[in-house]
Amino acid sequence: MQKDFLTSLGLADKNAGTSTGLKNINSDSYIESFSPVDGKLIGSVSVTTKEQYEAVVAESQAAFKEWRKIPAPKRGEVVRQYGEALRKNKEALGKLVSYEMGKSLQEGWGEVQEMIDICDFAVGLSRQLYGLTMHSERPEHRMYEQWHPMGIVGIISAFNFPVAVWAWNSMIAMICGDVCIWKGSEKTPLCSVACQNIFHEVLRANNVPEGVSCIVTGDYKVGEWMSQDKRLPLISATGSTRMGRIVGTEVAKRLGNSLLELGGNNAIIITETADIDVVLTGAVFGAVGTCGQRCTSTRRLIVNEKIYDKVKNTLVKAYPQLKIGDPLDQNNHVGPLIDKDSVNSYLNSIEEVGKQGGSFLVEGGVLDGPGYESGCYVKPCIAEVNNEMAIVQHETFAPILYLIKYSGSLEEAIAIQNDVPQGLSSAVMTNSLKDAEIFLSAAGSDCGIANVNIGTSGAEIGGAFGGEKETGGGRESGSDAWKAYMRRQTNTINYSNVVPLAQGIKFDL
């Protein structure tokens, strides 16, 4: 089965892909991709050299000169065809995502569906890149604004969503008239190659330069080249806050634009009126989905003391029912962490919880034995803590759920929720309309995403995705996030026979 989906995506060879959108370019160094599912080698992807990087940028620059001249609805047609190609390849690409990254097969297919959805959104958007018309204070003048493509958009994405985040950025950027250079995670390089293989077939079929979309592969050094390159006016980077600080600083040094999607430390507030069945589904999926490796994963439950024991007992009963194993088996709920480094981070966090005074209601640990040979399978766990603990303020990319009790008003719970450095996603579980409105008000959640009676994970592409504080402030995907990929231009046209100045200034010659 694994060989079948790799073959259908053009990844059957051990050396499965080149590092760029160019033909006949390879390097002497390769990244080997091992599956966290079974520890087996999937394939290798060549590492981009500096010389190859320069060739990619040159090809992208040439492609931009052609692509920007194509009317936006025609660009949208190319994106539409890519969406159709993804529909045909959804099963295979979803399996690759599951096998190379480790998320459940349902989530792998869901991620490809996100790509399809953003293609559909972008197609409609290609006919709606609206500017504004403003009234001029000068007679016989017209003033308006319009939007133009920026050029090359550099996309740096993370392993946890190895295909969808690229699509969020690239499909919107492309209908805006930009071209893209993508550095996917070195932990999931074959996903990048597979997406590129499918897209280049569409570009060739439409006689469009393949430089519209290129990939580069490697470690942080390749990201540095992109961040420091003034030929890339926008860098969209998804990853840790530490990484975002580096990228944001480097881009700012050259006065470029950055779109940052960084860490999350997401909480669900559970009020005394909450529906326990809703709480259970939202909290458990939020905490263990993708093995806790979503930026929107639920890290903290802030529970009213009147309902605390009921919530705690419900979760403690539910966790043993979770099935952990091969994510390609749809009977399993939880797959592996991405690699051994993530396992060590998980174990270190568990140790810190104990040192800092927390206690575990559901114990964690690494699983071994048949089916767990990769060493990347861990037990989702639950700990009772307080929000001031240093470990709780930190984002651990693993299925560790922290329970925190609050005894006062909803405002107290909101203060606890907001009292972390990150500000990505949040939720409140309540049947009180008043509580819901307080949570969503200016005095409520300080996160970029605030939900009522759903969990913190599972954003739809129609809304702008992103967060505040150490999450970086960027917005991707829906709403008017497209404006980040374009440059605004204000135009004034004088159709009179004189040149009156603004503000009534006189300048007679």
Protein backbone atom coordinates (compact mmCIF):
# COMPACT_ATOMS: atom_id res chain seq x y z
CA MET A 1 0.00 0.00 0.00
CA GLN A 2 2.76 2.42 0.91
CA LYS A 3 4.57 1.68 -2.33
CA ASP A 4 1.37 2.26 -4.30
CA PHE A 5 0.76 5.77 -3.03
CA LEU A 6 4.43 6.70 -3.34
CA THR A 7 4.47 5.49 -6.94
CA SER A 8 1.32 7.40 -7.86
CA LEU A 9 2.91 10.61 -6.54
CA GLY A 10 6.14 10.10 -8.48
CA LEU A 11 8.15 9.22 -5.35
CA ALA A 12 8.99 5.57 -5.93
CA ASP A 13 12.72 6.13 -6.32
CA LYS A 14 14.89 6.38 -3.23
CA ASN A 15 16.12 9.74 -4.50
CA ALA A 16 12.61 10.98 -5.00
CA GLY A 17 12.96 14.59 -5.98
CA THR A 18 15.16 17.48 -6.87
CA SER A 19 15.47 20.48 -4.61
CA THR A 20 14.11 23.02 -7.05
CA GLY A 21 11.58 23.64 -9.74
CA LEU A 22 14.40 23.31 -12.27
CA LYS A 23 15.21 20.21 -14.26
CA ASN A 24 18.47 18.31 -14.01
CA ILE A 25 19.66 19.99 -10.82
CA ASN A 26 20.89 17.76 -8.04
CA SER A 27 23.41 18.10 -5.25
CA ASP A 28 25.88 15.84 -3.51
CA SER A 29 23.92 16.02 -0.25
CA TYR A 30 20.53 14.48 0.49
CA ILE A 31 17.98 14.64 3.27
CA GLU A 32 16.71 11.19 4.13
CA SER A 33 13.09 11.04 5.21
CA PHE A 34 12.25 8.32 7.73
CA SER A 35 8.65 7.65 8.67
CA PRO A 36 7.80 8.06 12.37
CA VAL A 37 5.15 5.40 11.78
CA ASP A 38 7.57 2.48 11.37
CA GLY A 39 11.03 4.04 11.29
CA LYS A 40 11.59 3.04 7.66
CA LEU A 41 13.33 5.15 5.02
CA ILE A 42 10.76 6.59 2.62
CA GLY A 43 13.10 8.42 0.26
CA SER A 44 15.71 11.13 -0.12
CA VAL A 45 15.56 14.67 -1.41
CA SER A 46 18.58 16.65 -2.58
CA VAL A 47 19.70 19.58 -0.44
CA THR A 48 19.73 22.94 -2.19
CA THR A 49 23.16 24.48 -2.65
CA LYS A 50 23.74 28.23 -2.78
CA GLU A 51 24.35 28.00 -6.51
CA GLN A 52 21.05 26.19 -6.99
CA TYR A 53 19.27 28.71 -4.79
CA GLU A 54 20.48 31.51 -7.02
CA ALA A 55 19.23 29.61 -10.07
CA VAL A 56 15.82 29.16 -8.45
CA VAL A 57 15.51 32.86 -7.66
CA ALA A 58 16.51 33.75 -11.22
CA GLU A 59 13.89 31.38 -12.62
CA SER A 60 11.27 32.79 -10.26
CA GLN A 61 12.11 36.36 -11.29
CA ALA A 62 11.69 35.47 -14.95
CA ALA A 63 8.40 33.68 -14.28
CA PHE A 64 7.05 36.65 -12.33
CA LYS A 65 7.48 38.94 -15.33
CA GLU A 66 5.10 36.69 -17.28
CA TRP A 67 2.76 35.59 -14.50
CA ARG A 68 1.91 39.14 -13.32
CA LYS A 69 0.65 40.03 -16.82
CA ILE A 70 -1.87 37.19 -16.89
CA PRO A 71 -5.30 38.49 -15.81
CA ALA A 72 -6.20 37.45 -12.26
CA PRO A 73 -9.23 35.34 -13.35
CA LYS A 74 -6.94 33.43 -15.72
CA ARG A 75 -4.50 32.85 -12.88
CA GLY A 76 -7.49 31.64 -10.91
CA GLU A 77 -8.22 29.11 -13.63
CA VAL A 78 -4.75 27.58 -13.16
CA VAL A 79 -5.38 27.36 -9.43
CA ARG A 80 -8.79 25.78 -10.11
CA GLN A 81 -7.13 23.07 -12.16
CA TYR A 82 -4.68 22.42 -9.35
CA GLY A 83 -7.64 21.94 -7.02
CA GLU A 84 -9.04 19.37 -9.45
CA ALA A 85 -5.67 17.61 -9.59
CA LEU A 86 -5.61 17.49 -5.79
CA ARG A 87 -9.06 15.90 -5.78
CA LYS A 88 -7.72 13.14 -8.02
CA ASN A 89 -4.66 12.67 -5.80
CA LYS A 90 -6.33 13.21 -2.42
CA GLU A 91 -6.18 9.59 -1.31
CA ALA A 92 -2.49 9.14 -2.18
CA LEU A 93 -1.32 12.54 -0.93
CA GLY A 94 -3.28 12.14 2.30
CA LYS A 95 -1.56 8.79 2.88
CA LEU A 96 1.83 10.37 2.27
CA VAL A 97 1.08 13.13 4.78
CA SER A 98 0.00 10.51 7.32
CA TYR A 99 3.00 8.27 6.69
CA GLU A 100 5.71 10.93 6.54
CA MET A 101 4.37 13.19 9.31
CA GLY A 102 2.53 10.70 11.52
CA LYS A 103 -0.94 12.25 11.80
CA SER A 104 -4.01 10.05 11.48
CA LEU A 105 -5.14 9.13 7.98
CA GLN A 106 -8.38 11.06 8.49
CA GLU A 107 -6.32 14.14 9.36
CA GLY A 108 -4.03 13.52 6.38
CA TRP A 109 -7.00 13.48 4.04
CA GLY A 110 -8.41 16.48 5.89
CA GLU A 111 -5.21 18.40 5.24
CA VAL A 112 -5.43 17.74 1.51
CA GLN A 113 -9.07 18.81 1.66
CA GLU A 114 -7.86 22.12 3.14
CA MET A 115 -5.69 22.52 0.05
CA ILE A 116 -8.68 21.87 -2.18
CA ASP A 117 -10.79 24.31 -0.20
CA ILE A 118 -8.21 27.10 -0.43
CA CYS A 119 -7.99 26.52 -4.18
CA ASP A 120 -11.77 26.99 -4.41
CA PHE A 121 -11.56 30.11 -2.25
CA ALA A 122 -8.72 31.54 -4.33
CA VAL A 123 -10.58 30.97 -7.58
CA GLY A 124 -13.45 33.13 -6.36
CA LEU A 125 -11.04 35.67 -4.94
CA SER A 126 -9.35 36.05 -8.31
CA ARG A 127 -12.38 38.08 -9.43
CA GLN A 128 -12.59 40.10 -6.20
CA LEU A 129 -9.24 41.82 -5.71
CA TYR A 130 -11.06 45.07 -5.11
CA GLY A 131 -9.62 48.51 -4.50
CA LEU A 132 -11.47 51.66 -3.43
CA THR A 133 -12.52 54.87 -5.12
CA MET A 134 -12.19 58.04 -3.03
CA HIS A 135 -13.50 61.55 -3.71
CA SER A 136 -10.74 64.03 -4.41
CA GLU A 137 -10.79 67.46 -2.77
CA ARG A 138 -9.59 68.92 -6.06
CA PRO A 139 -12.03 69.57 -8.91
CA GLU A 140 -11.90 67.36 -11.98
CA HIS A 141 -9.70 64.82 -10.25
CA ARG A 142 -10.34 61.15 -9.61
CA MET A 143 -8.60 59.24 -6.84
CA TYR A 144 -8.58 55.51 -6.26
CA GLU A 145 -6.41 52.70 -4.99
CA GLN A 146 -5.42 49.44 -6.59
CA TRP A 147 -3.42 46.39 -5.61
CA HIS A 148 -0.41 44.96 -7.44
CA PRO A 149 1.56 41.72 -6.92
CA MET A 150 4.69 42.01 -4.80
CA GLY A 151 6.96 39.59 -6.66
CA ILE A 152 8.52 36.47 -5.16
CA VAL A 153 6.89 35.24 -1.97
CA GLY A 154 9.11 33.05 0.19
CA ILE A 155 7.20 30.41 2.16
CA ILE A 156 8.79 28.60 5.10
CA SER A 157 6.48 25.92 6.51
CA ALA A 158 6.60 23.45 9.39
CA PHE A 159 6.31 19.67 9.58
CA ASN A 160 2.96 19.51 11.39
CA PHE A 161 1.00 20.73 8.35
CA PRO A 162 3.41 19.75 5.59
CA VAL A 163 1.12 20.61 2.66
CA ALA A 164 -1.85 22.75 3.76
CA VAL A 165 0.07 25.78 5.04
CA TRP A 166 1.97 26.04 1.76
CA ALA A 167 -1.33 26.00 -0.09
CA TRP A 168 -2.85 28.65 2.22
CA ASN A 169 -0.04 30.96 1.21
CA SER A 170 0.77 29.98 -2.35
CA MET A 171 -2.72 29.71 -3.82
CA ILE A 172 -3.62 33.17 -2.52
CA ALA A 173 -0.25 34.63 -3.53
CA MET A 174 -0.52 33.17 -7.03
CA ILE A 175 -3.95 34.56 -7.82
CA CYS A 176 -2.56 37.90 -6.61
CA GLY A 177 0.09 37.60 -9.34
CA ASP A 178 3.02 36.59 -7.15
CA VAL A 179 5.30 33.60 -7.65
CA CYS A 180 6.46 31.41 -4.79
CA ILE A 181 9.60 29.74 -3.46
CA TRP A 182 8.77 27.16 -0.81
CA LYS A 183 11.05 25.77 1.84
CA GLY A 184 9.12 22.96 3.47
CA SER A 185 10.25 21.27 6.65
CA GLU A 186 13.33 19.08 6.33
CA LYS A 187 11.34 16.56 8.41
CA THR A 188 8.71 16.13 5.67
CA PRO A 189 10.50 16.86 2.38
CA LEU A 190 8.66 14.30 0.26
CA CYS A 191 5.34 16.03 0.90
CA SER A 192 6.82 19.16 -0.69
CA VAL A 193 8.09 17.24 -3.71
CA ALA A 194 4.72 15.53 -4.19
CA CYS A 195 2.82 18.84 -4.15
CA GLN A 196 5.31 20.28 -6.62
CA ASN A 197 5.05 17.28 -8.95
CA ILE A 198 1.26 17.66 -9.13
CA PHE A 199 1.34 21.44 -9.56
CA HIS A 200 3.98 21.42 -12.28
CA GLU A 201 1.82 19.11 -14.36
CA VAL A 202 -0.90 21.78 -14.20
CA LEU A 203 1.54 24.58 -15.07
CA ARG A 204 2.88 22.67 -18.06
CA ALA A 205 -0.63 21.90 -19.29
CA ASN A 206 -1.39 25.64 -19.25
CA ASN A 207 1.92 26.64 -20.86
CA VAL A 208 2.81 28.61 -17.72
CA PRO A 209 6.45 28.93 -16.58
CA GLU A 210 7.29 26.33 -13.95
CA GLY A 211 9.14 29.03 -12.04
CA VAL A 212 5.75 30.22 -10.78
CA SER A 213 6.28 27.65 -8.02
CA CYS A 214 9.64 26.33 -6.87
CA ILE A 215 10.86 24.46 -3.82
CA VAL A 216 14.16 24.60 -2.00
CA THR A 217 15.24 22.01 0.53
CA GLY A 218 17.55 22.08 3.52
CA ASP A 219 18.02 23.19 7.09
CA TYR A 220 17.92 26.64 8.66
CA LYS A 221 20.67 27.86 6.31
CA VAL A 222 18.30 27.83 3.33
CA GLY A 223 15.79 29.77 5.42
CA GLU A 224 18.50 32.32 6.16
CA TRP A 225 19.16 32.83 2.44
CA MET A 226 15.48 33.51 1.90
CA SER A 227 15.09 35.81 4.92
CA GLN A 228 18.11 37.90 3.94
CA ASP A 229 17.26 38.08 0.22
CA LYS A 230 15.88 41.46 -0.79
CA ARG A 231 14.60 39.89 -4.02
CA LEU A 232 11.92 38.20 -1.89
CA PRO A 233 9.72 41.10 -0.72
CA LEU A 234 7.58 38.89 1.53
CA ILE A 235 8.55 35.97 3.74
CA SER A 236 5.70 33.93 5.24
CA ALA A 237 7.10 31.73 7.99
CA THR A 238 5.31 29.13 10.11
CA GLY A 239 7.06 27.52 13.06
CA SER A 240 8.31 28.16 16.56
CA THR A 241 8.49 31.57 18.19
CA ARG A 242 12.27 31.18 18.34
CA MET A 243 12.41 30.68 14.59
CA GLY A 244 10.02 33.56 14.00
CA ARG A 245 12.17 35.98 15.96
CA ILE A 246 15.14 35.11 13.76
CA VAL A 247 13.22 35.32 10.48
CA GLY A 248 11.38 38.49 11.48
CA THR A 249 14.61 40.20 12.51
CA GLU A 250 16.44 39.29 9.32
CA VAL A 251 13.57 40.42 7.10
CA ALA A 252 13.18 43.66 9.06
CA LYS A 253 16.87 44.47 8.60
CA ARG A 254 16.25 44.80 4.87
CA LEU A 255 12.85 46.47 5.42
CA GLY A 256 11.05 43.55 3.84
CA ASN A 257 7.62 42.22 4.81
CA SER A 258 7.08 39.19 7.01
CA LEU A 259 3.99 37.17 7.80
CA LEU A 260 4.61 35.12 10.95
CA GLU A 261 2.54 32.20 12.24
CA LEU A 262 4.29 31.03 15.40
CA GLY A 263 3.62 29.30 18.71
CA GLY A 264 0.33 28.64 20.44
CA ASN A 265 -0.53 27.84 24.06
CA ASN A 266 -4.22 27.41 23.57
CA ALA A 267 -6.83 27.16 26.30
CA ILE A 268 -10.47 26.17 26.64
CA ILE A 269 -12.39 27.86 29.44
CA ILE A 270 -15.12 25.57 30.81
CA THR A 271 -17.84 27.41 32.68
CA GLU A 272 -20.33 25.87 35.09
CA THR A 273 -23.05 25.86 32.38
CA ALA A 274 -20.98 23.92 29.84
CA ASP A 275 -22.34 20.82 28.12
CA ILE A 276 -20.03 17.96 29.17
CA ASP A 277 -20.49 16.07 25.89
CA VAL A 278 -19.37 19.14 23.94
CA VAL A 279 -16.45 19.61 26.34
CA LEU A 280 -15.32 16.00 25.92
CA THR A 281 -15.21 16.04 22.12
CA GLY A 282 -13.64 19.47 21.82
CA ALA A 283 -11.05 18.99 24.55
CA VAL A 284 -9.92 15.47 23.68
CA PHE A 285 -9.57 16.03 19.94
CA GLY A 286 -7.91 19.37 20.59
CA ALA A 287 -5.39 17.80 22.95
CA VAL A 288 -4.54 14.55 21.15
CA GLY A 289 -5.26 15.30 17.48
CA THR A 290 -2.02 15.17 15.44
CA CYS A 291 -0.52 13.82 18.68
CA GLY A 292 -0.64 17.32 20.14
CA GLN A 293 1.49 18.78 17.34
CA ARG A 294 -0.92 21.38 15.98
CA CYS A 295 -0.17 25.02 16.64
CA THR A 296 -3.84 25.17 17.68
CA SER A 297 -3.69 22.06 19.91
CA THR A 298 -5.43 22.44 23.26
CA ARG A 299 -2.76 22.77 25.96
CA ARG A 300 -4.79 24.08 28.89
CA LEU A 301 -8.29 23.49 30.29
CA ILE A 302 -9.38 26.26 32.66
CA VAL A 303 -12.33 24.77 34.55
CA ASN A 304 -14.83 26.31 36.94
CA GLU A 305 -14.56 24.74 40.40
CA LYS A 306 -18.27 23.84 40.40
CA ILE A 307 -17.81 21.53 37.44
CA TYR A 308 -14.11 20.72 37.85
CA ASP A 309 -14.43 17.21 39.31
CA LYS A 310 -17.02 16.21 36.72
CA VAL A 311 -14.80 17.38 33.85
CA LYS A 312 -11.73 15.74 35.38
CA ASN A 313 -13.43 12.39 35.92
CA THR A 314 -14.91 12.41 32.39
CA LEU A 315 -11.50 13.00 30.83
CA VAL A 316 -9.77 10.43 33.01
CA LYS A 317 -12.30 7.84 31.88
CA ALA A 318 -12.02 8.84 28.22
CA TYR A 319 -8.23 8.77 27.82
CA PRO A 320 -7.79 4.99 28.26
CA GLN A 321 -10.17 4.51 25.33
CA LEU A 322 -7.76 6.26 22.95
CA LYS A 323 -6.18 3.88 20.48
CA ILE A 324 -2.54 4.65 19.73
CA GLY A 325 -0.80 3.16 16.73
CA ASP A 326 -0.22 3.20 12.99
CA PRO A 327 -2.05 6.32 11.74
CA LEU A 328 -2.81 4.62 8.42
CA ASP A 329 -5.08 2.29 10.39
CA GLN A 330 -8.30 4.27 10.78
CA ASN A 331 -9.16 2.41 13.98
CA ASN A 332 -6.41 4.38 15.75
CA HIS A 333 -6.97 7.85 17.18
CA VAL A 334 -3.38 8.88 17.83
CA GLY A 335 -0.23 8.37 15.77
CA PRO A 336 3.41 9.03 16.62
CA LEU A 337 5.34 12.19 17.35
CA ILE A 338 7.43 13.35 14.40
CA ASP A 339 10.82 12.14 15.71
CA LYS A 340 12.95 11.22 18.72
CA ASP A 341 13.77 14.86 19.47
CA SER A 342 10.07 15.51 19.97
CA VAL A 343 9.83 12.46 22.21
CA ASN A 344 12.65 13.81 24.36
CA SER A 345 10.94 17.21 24.57
CA TYR A 346 7.75 15.46 25.69
CA LEU A 347 9.61 13.50 28.38
CA ASN A 348 11.46 16.58 29.59
CA SER A 349 8.17 18.47 29.94
CA ILE A 350 6.63 15.62 31.93
CA GLU A 351 9.64 15.68 34.25
CA GLU A 352 9.35 19.45 34.67
CA VAL A 353 5.66 19.17 35.62
CA GLY A 354 6.65 16.98 38.55
CA LYS A 355 9.54 19.20 39.58
CA GLN A 356 7.33 22.28 39.55
CA GLY A 357 4.62 20.77 41.72
CA GLY A 358 2.13 19.38 39.23
CA SER A 359 0.58 15.92 39.46
CA PHE A 360 -0.59 13.55 36.75
CA LEU A 361 -4.14 12.27 36.52
CA VAL A 362 -3.27 10.24 33.42
CA GLU A 363 0.37 9.19 33.24
CA GLY A 364 2.47 9.64 30.15
CA GLY A 365 5.38 7.63 28.77
CA VAL A 366 6.89 6.16 25.63
CA LEU A 367 5.30 3.04 24.14
CA ASP A 368 7.38 0.09 22.99
CA GLY A 369 6.77 -3.39 21.65
CA PRO A 370 5.16 -4.57 18.40
CA GLY A 371 3.85 -1.70 16.32
CA TYR A 372 5.90 0.89 18.20
CA GLU A 373 9.34 0.09 16.80
CA SER A 374 9.99 3.63 15.61
CA GLY A 375 10.24 4.80 19.20
CA CYS A 376 8.03 7.82 18.46
CA TYR A 377 4.77 6.67 20.04
CA VAL A 378 3.83 8.26 23.37
CA LYS A 379 0.87 8.25 25.75
CA PRO A 380 -1.36 11.33 25.86
CA CYS A 381 -1.40 12.52 29.47
CA ILE A 382 -3.24 14.90 31.79
CA ALA A 383 -1.71 16.92 34.62
CA GLU A 384 -3.19 19.14 37.35
CA VAL A 385 -1.18 22.36 37.46
CA ASN A 386 -1.38 26.10 38.01
CA ASN A 387 -0.90 28.62 35.24
CA GLU A 388 2.15 30.24 36.87
CA MET A 389 4.33 27.16 36.41
CA ALA A 390 7.11 27.85 33.92
CA ILE A 391 6.36 24.67 31.98
CA VAL A 392 2.72 25.70 31.49
CA GLN A 393 3.83 29.02 30.00
CA HIS A 394 5.92 27.07 27.49
CA GLU A 395 4.55 25.39 24.35
CA THR A 396 5.39 21.69 24.23
CA PHE A 397 4.50 20.15 20.88
CA ALA A 398 3.13 16.94 22.39
CA PRO A 399 -0.13 15.51 23.83
CA ILE A 400 0.17 16.94 27.35
CA LEU A 401 -3.03 18.52 28.68
CA TYR A 402 -2.94 20.82 31.70
CA LEU A 403 -5.99 21.15 34.00
CA ILE A 404 -6.34 24.45 35.86
CA LYS A 405 -9.14 25.28 38.32
CA TYR A 406 -10.69 28.71 38.67
CA SER A 407 -13.08 29.69 41.45
CA GLY A 408 -14.28 33.19 40.64
CA SER A 409 -15.89 34.93 37.68
CA LEU A 410 -15.43 34.36 33.98
CA GLU A 411 -13.18 37.41 34.00
CA GLU A 412 -10.79 35.52 36.29
CA ALA A 413 -10.71 32.60 33.84
CA ILE A 414 -10.08 34.96 30.92
CA ALA A 415 -7.22 36.56 32.83
CA ILE A 416 -5.68 33.11 33.36
CA GLN A 417 -6.13 32.25 29.69
CA ASN A 418 -4.53 35.49 28.51
CA ASP A 419 -1.63 35.25 30.96
CA VAL A 420 0.72 33.41 28.60
CA PRO A 421 3.13 34.80 25.98
CA GLN A 422 1.27 33.24 23.05
CA GLY A 423 -2.06 34.35 21.56
CA LEU A 424 -3.21 32.00 18.82
CA SER A 425 -6.42 30.10 19.56
CA SER A 426 -8.91 30.01 22.42
CA ALA A 427 -12.36 28.74 23.28
CA VAL A 428 -15.07 28.91 25.91
CA MET A 429 -17.55 26.14 26.65
CA THR A 430 -20.76 27.69 27.98
CA ASN A 431 -24.52 27.78 27.55
CA SER A 432 -24.64 31.34 28.83
CA LEU A 433 -25.08 33.94 26.09
CA LYS A 434 -23.69 36.58 28.43
CA ASP A 435 -20.51 34.57 29.07
CA ALA A 436 -20.04 33.93 25.34
CA GLU A 437 -20.34 37.63 24.53
CA ILE A 438 -17.94 38.63 27.32
CA PHE A 439 -15.41 36.12 26.02
CA LEU A 440 -15.67 37.54 22.50
CA SER A 441 -15.59 41.18 23.58
CA ALA A 442 -12.60 43.52 23.63
CA ALA A 443 -12.20 42.64 27.32
CA GLY A 444 -12.22 38.91 26.53
CA SER A 445 -9.81 36.59 24.75
CA ASP A 446 -6.67 38.26 23.43
CA CYS A 447 -6.13 35.55 20.81
CA GLY A 448 -6.45 35.78 17.05
CA ILE A 449 -9.02 32.97 17.17
CA ALA A 450 -11.79 32.83 19.78
CA ASN A 451 -14.45 30.11 19.63
CA VAL A 452 -17.62 29.29 21.55
CA ASN A 453 -18.60 25.66 22.15
CA ILE A 454 -16.01 24.25 19.79
CA GLY A 455 -12.38 23.47 20.52
CA THR A 456 -9.24 25.42 19.73
CA SER A 457 -8.19 23.37 16.68
CA GLY A 458 -9.84 22.90 13.32
CA ALA A 459 -9.91 26.33 11.67
CA GLU A 460 -11.79 26.78 8.40
CA ILE A 461 -10.09 28.41 5.42
CA GLY A 462 -12.78 31.09 5.03
CA GLY A 463 -11.56 33.01 8.07
CA ALA A 464 -8.20 34.71 8.49
CA PHE A 465 -5.90 32.40 10.47
CA GLY A 466 -3.32 33.72 12.92
CA GLY A 467 -2.67 35.14 16.35
CA GLU A 468 -1.20 37.88 18.50
CA LYS A 469 1.72 38.37 20.90
CA GLU A 470 4.40 35.69 20.42
CA THR A 471 2.24 34.04 17.77
CA GLY A 472 3.54 36.76 15.46
CA GLY A 473 0.51 38.77 14.36
CA GLY A 474 0.27 37.32 10.84
CA ARG A 475 -2.93 36.31 9.05
CA GLU A 476 -3.22 33.65 6.35
CA SER A 477 -5.96 31.98 4.34
CA GLY A 478 -9.41 33.60 4.21
CA SER A 479 -11.13 36.93 4.77
CA ASP A 480 -8.91 39.78 3.48
CA ALA A 481 -5.61 38.01 4.24
CA TRP A 482 -4.87 38.32 0.51
CA LYS A 483 -3.79 41.92 1.09
CA ALA A 484 -0.59 40.71 2.76
CA TYR A 485 0.56 39.33 -0.61
CA MET A 486 0.04 42.55 -2.57
CA ARG A 487 1.28 46.13 -2.56
CA ARG A 488 -1.24 48.95 -2.31
CA GLN A 489 -1.02 51.85 -4.72
CA THR A 490 -2.98 55.12 -4.52
CA ASN A 491 -3.66 56.81 -7.88
CA THR A 492 -4.85 60.32 -8.65
CA ILE A 493 -5.89 61.37 -12.16
CA ASN A 494 -6.24 65.00 -13.15
CA TYR A 495 -8.55 65.43 -16.14
CA SER A 496 -8.68 69.23 -16.01
CA ASN A 497 -6.50 71.78 -17.81
CA VAL A 498 -4.93 73.13 -14.62
CA VAL A 499 -2.91 71.71 -11.77
CA PRO A 500 -4.58 72.63 -8.48
CA LEU A 501 -2.59 71.55 -5.41
CA ALA A 502 -3.98 69.70 -2.43
CA GLN A 503 -4.84 71.56 0.79
CA GLY A 504 -5.41 74.72 -1.27
CA ILE A 505 -1.67 75.44 -1.57
CA LYS A 506 -0.82 78.19 -4.08
CA PHE A 507 2.23 77.87 -6.33
CA ASP A 508 1.95 80.36 -9.17
CA LEU A 509 4.65 80.69 -11.79
